[in-house]
Amino acid sequence: MSALVAQPVWPAPARPARRRGDARPVGRGTLQLVGPGFVPPAVQPAVEPGVPARVVSRPAQAGAAGLRLTARGRRLLTVLALVAATGASVALGALVGTAANPSSSSATTTTVTVAPGQTLWSLASAAAAPGEDPRDVLEQIADINGLASADLAVGQELLVPVD
């Protein structure tokens, strides 16, 4: 439950208006508020009649128009830079790996259906060129087809390299 309390409002005593540029000195009993970005007012020297006034330019604040990053923003930029560097190194590694070891898929292949009684060795021996070791061809067949063992099923289709 809430209640309203009415209190009398007394008018504030009238104060004389201050002119722009009049600075009151900070003295005892005067409160001066200071916070982030506080710039104390510049004290203007008295100008003597007949003497030209000097123009003093204030240097621009360095970070006023720039981007200010928080700790979270700096961490995010660091993580993004690391992800970009990792991606670039993986791409470069893949490019170098492809150039160093050309894949066997660039060689011409033919599809062979496994007949009853055929083994991986017999397929490799038939596909090997004269004077070529059938073990190398057997390894190529296993790599191309992703075979984990030499077991073949009847009717299975295999890619076999052709020289």
Protein backbone atom coordinates (compact mmCIF):
# COMPACT_ATOMS: atom_id res chain seq x y z
CA MET A 1 0.00 0.00 0.00
CA SER A 2 1.32 3.43 -0.77
CA ALA A 3 0.56 6.83 0.62
CA LEU A 4 1.06 10.30 -0.74
CA VAL A 5 2.47 12.99 1.47
CA ALA A 6 2.03 16.59 0.51
CA GLN A 7 4.81 18.94 1.55
CA PRO A 8 4.80 22.69 1.14
CA VAL A 9 7.12 24.08 -1.52
CA TRP A 10 8.83 27.32 -0.60
CA PRO A 11 10.07 29.59 -3.34
CA ALA A 12 13.85 29.74 -3.72
CA PRO A 13 15.49 33.04 -2.86
CA ALA A 14 16.23 35.15 -5.92
CA ARG A 15 19.87 35.26 -7.02
CA PRO A 16 21.38 37.86 -9.27
CA ALA A 17 21.97 36.56 -12.79
CA ARG A 18 25.58 35.86 -13.71
CA ARG A 19 27.02 37.08 -16.93
CA ARG A 20 28.54 34.64 -19.34
CA GLY A 21 32.27 34.38 -18.82
CA ASP A 22 32.16 35.41 -15.19
CA ALA A 23 33.96 32.74 -13.27
CA ARG A 24 33.50 32.48 -9.59
CA PRO A 25 36.62 31.52 -7.76
CA VAL A 26 36.55 28.15 -6.06
CA GLY A 27 36.88 28.84 -2.41
CA ARG A 28 36.06 27.38 0.88
CA GLY A 29 32.55 26.04 1.03
CA THR A 30 32.11 25.99 -2.74
CA LEU A 31 31.46 22.64 -4.35
CA GLN A 32 33.11 21.90 -7.66
CA LEU A 33 31.97 18.84 -9.57
CA VAL A 34 34.68 16.96 -11.42
CA GLY A 35 34.20 13.81 -13.46
CA PRO A 36 35.40 11.94 -16.53
CA GLY A 37 36.10 14.32 -19.36
CA PHE A 38 36.10 17.37 -17.09
CA VAL A 39 38.15 20.20 -18.48
CA PRO A 40 38.63 23.17 -16.17
CA PRO A 41 37.76 26.50 -17.73
CA ALA A 42 40.75 28.36 -19.09
CA VAL A 43 41.59 31.56 -17.23
CA GLN A 44 41.61 34.47 -19.65
CA PRO A 45 44.39 36.99 -19.01
CA ALA A 46 43.33 40.59 -18.80
CA VAL A 47 43.78 42.39 -22.11
CA GLU A 48 45.28 45.84 -21.95
CA PRO A 49 43.86 48.47 -24.26
CA GLY A 50 45.98 49.00 -27.35
CA VAL A 51 47.77 45.64 -27.07
CA PRO A 52 46.58 42.98 -29.51
CA ALA A 53 45.24 39.87 -27.86
CA ARG A 54 47.07 36.61 -28.48
CA VAL A 55 45.16 33.78 -30.06
CA VAL A 56 45.75 30.56 -28.22
CA SER A 57 44.61 27.41 -29.95
CA ARG A 58 43.74 24.38 -27.93
CA PRO A 59 45.13 21.08 -29.31
CA ALA A 60 42.48 18.62 -30.41
CA GLN A 61 41.78 15.74 -28.09
CA ALA A 62 43.45 12.59 -29.38
CA GLY A 63 40.65 10.08 -28.82
CA ALA A 64 37.63 12.35 -29.28
CA ALA A 65 36.81 11.33 -32.86
CA GLY A 66 38.56 7.93 -32.84
CA LEU A 67 37.35 4.52 -31.83
CA ARG A 68 37.63 3.56 -28.19
CA LEU A 69 37.82 -0.17 -27.53
CA THR A 70 36.84 -1.83 -24.32
CA ALA A 71 38.65 -4.86 -22.95
CA ARG A 72 35.95 -7.08 -24.48
CA GLY A 73 36.43 -5.42 -27.87
CA ARG A 74 40.20 -5.91 -27.74
CA ARG A 75 39.72 -9.60 -26.86
CA LEU A 76 37.26 -10.00 -29.73
CA LEU A 77 39.68 -8.42 -32.20
CA THR A 78 42.47 -10.68 -30.93
CA VAL A 79 40.31 -13.79 -31.35
CA LEU A 80 39.24 -12.71 -34.85
CA ALA A 81 42.87 -12.11 -35.83
CA LEU A 82 43.85 -15.56 -34.53
CA VAL A 83 40.98 -17.22 -36.41
CA ALA A 84 41.96 -15.42 -39.61
CA ALA A 85 45.62 -16.41 -39.17
CA THR A 86 44.65 -20.04 -38.52
CA GLY A 87 42.43 -20.12 -41.60
CA ALA A 88 45.18 -18.62 -43.74
CA SER A 89 47.74 -21.14 -42.48
CA VAL A 90 45.38 -24.07 -43.10
CA ALA A 91 44.67 -22.84 -46.63
CA LEU A 92 48.38 -22.34 -47.31
CA GLY A 93 49.17 -25.81 -45.92
CA ALA A 94 46.52 -27.39 -48.14
CA LEU A 95 47.90 -25.55 -51.17
CA VAL A 96 51.48 -26.62 -50.42
CA GLY A 97 50.36 -30.20 -49.67
CA THR A 98 48.51 -30.43 -52.96
CA ALA A 99 51.50 -29.07 -54.87
CA ALA A 100 53.94 -31.46 -53.15
CA ASN A 101 51.79 -34.60 -53.46
CA PRO A 102 49.48 -34.52 -56.43
CA SER A 103 46.49 -36.68 -55.66
CA SER A 104 46.00 -39.96 -57.43
CA SER A 105 42.52 -38.79 -58.48
CA SER A 106 44.17 -36.79 -61.26
CA ALA A 107 45.15 -40.09 -62.92
CA THR A 108 42.58 -41.69 -65.19
CA THR A 109 40.54 -44.43 -63.58
CA THR A 110 38.03 -46.98 -64.66
CA THR A 111 35.24 -48.65 -62.73
CA VAL A 112 35.55 -52.42 -62.22
CA THR A 113 32.82 -54.65 -60.76
CA VAL A 114 34.21 -57.39 -58.54
CA ALA A 115 33.42 -60.86 -59.91
CA PRO A 116 33.28 -64.04 -57.78
CA GLY A 117 36.82 -65.23 -56.95
CA GLN A 118 38.53 -61.92 -57.72
CA THR A 119 40.89 -60.51 -55.11
CA LEU A 120 42.45 -57.12 -54.70
CA TRP A 121 45.79 -58.64 -55.72
CA SER A 122 44.38 -59.99 -58.99
CA LEU A 123 42.83 -56.58 -59.80
CA ALA A 124 46.13 -54.83 -59.03
CA SER A 125 48.12 -57.34 -61.11
CA ALA A 126 45.79 -56.86 -64.08
CA ALA A 127 45.96 -53.04 -63.79
CA ALA A 128 49.75 -52.85 -63.31
CA ALA A 129 51.82 -51.82 -66.30
CA PRO A 130 54.57 -54.20 -67.44
CA GLY A 131 57.51 -53.86 -65.08
CA GLU A 132 55.41 -52.07 -62.40
CA ASP A 133 55.11 -53.54 -58.91
CA PRO A 134 51.51 -54.72 -58.25
CA ARG A 135 51.91 -53.70 -54.57
CA ASP A 136 52.07 -50.04 -55.62
CA VAL A 137 48.91 -50.42 -57.71
CA LEU A 138 47.20 -52.29 -54.85
CA GLU A 139 48.03 -49.36 -52.55
CA GLN A 140 46.63 -46.89 -55.10
CA ILE A 141 43.38 -48.89 -55.41
CA ALA A 142 43.00 -48.99 -51.61
CA ASP A 143 43.66 -45.22 -51.36
CA ILE A 144 41.27 -44.26 -54.17
CA ASN A 145 38.42 -46.38 -52.82
CA GLY A 146 39.11 -45.84 -49.11
CA LEU A 147 39.49 -49.55 -48.37
CA ALA A 148 40.50 -50.45 -44.82
CA SER A 149 41.14 -54.11 -45.64
CA ALA A 150 41.69 -56.34 -48.67
CA ASP A 151 38.27 -57.99 -48.30
CA LEU A 152 36.05 -57.50 -51.36
CA ALA A 153 32.38 -58.33 -51.88
CA VAL A 154 30.97 -59.76 -55.11
CA GLY A 155 29.34 -56.95 -57.15
CA GLN A 156 31.31 -54.22 -55.39
CA GLU A 157 32.39 -51.43 -57.74
CA LEU A 158 35.98 -50.20 -57.43
CA LEU A 159 37.90 -47.44 -59.14
CA VAL A 160 41.10 -48.84 -60.64
CA PRO A 161 43.88 -46.62 -62.06
CA VAL A 162 44.60 -46.99 -65.75
CA ASP A 163 48.10 -46.22 -67.12
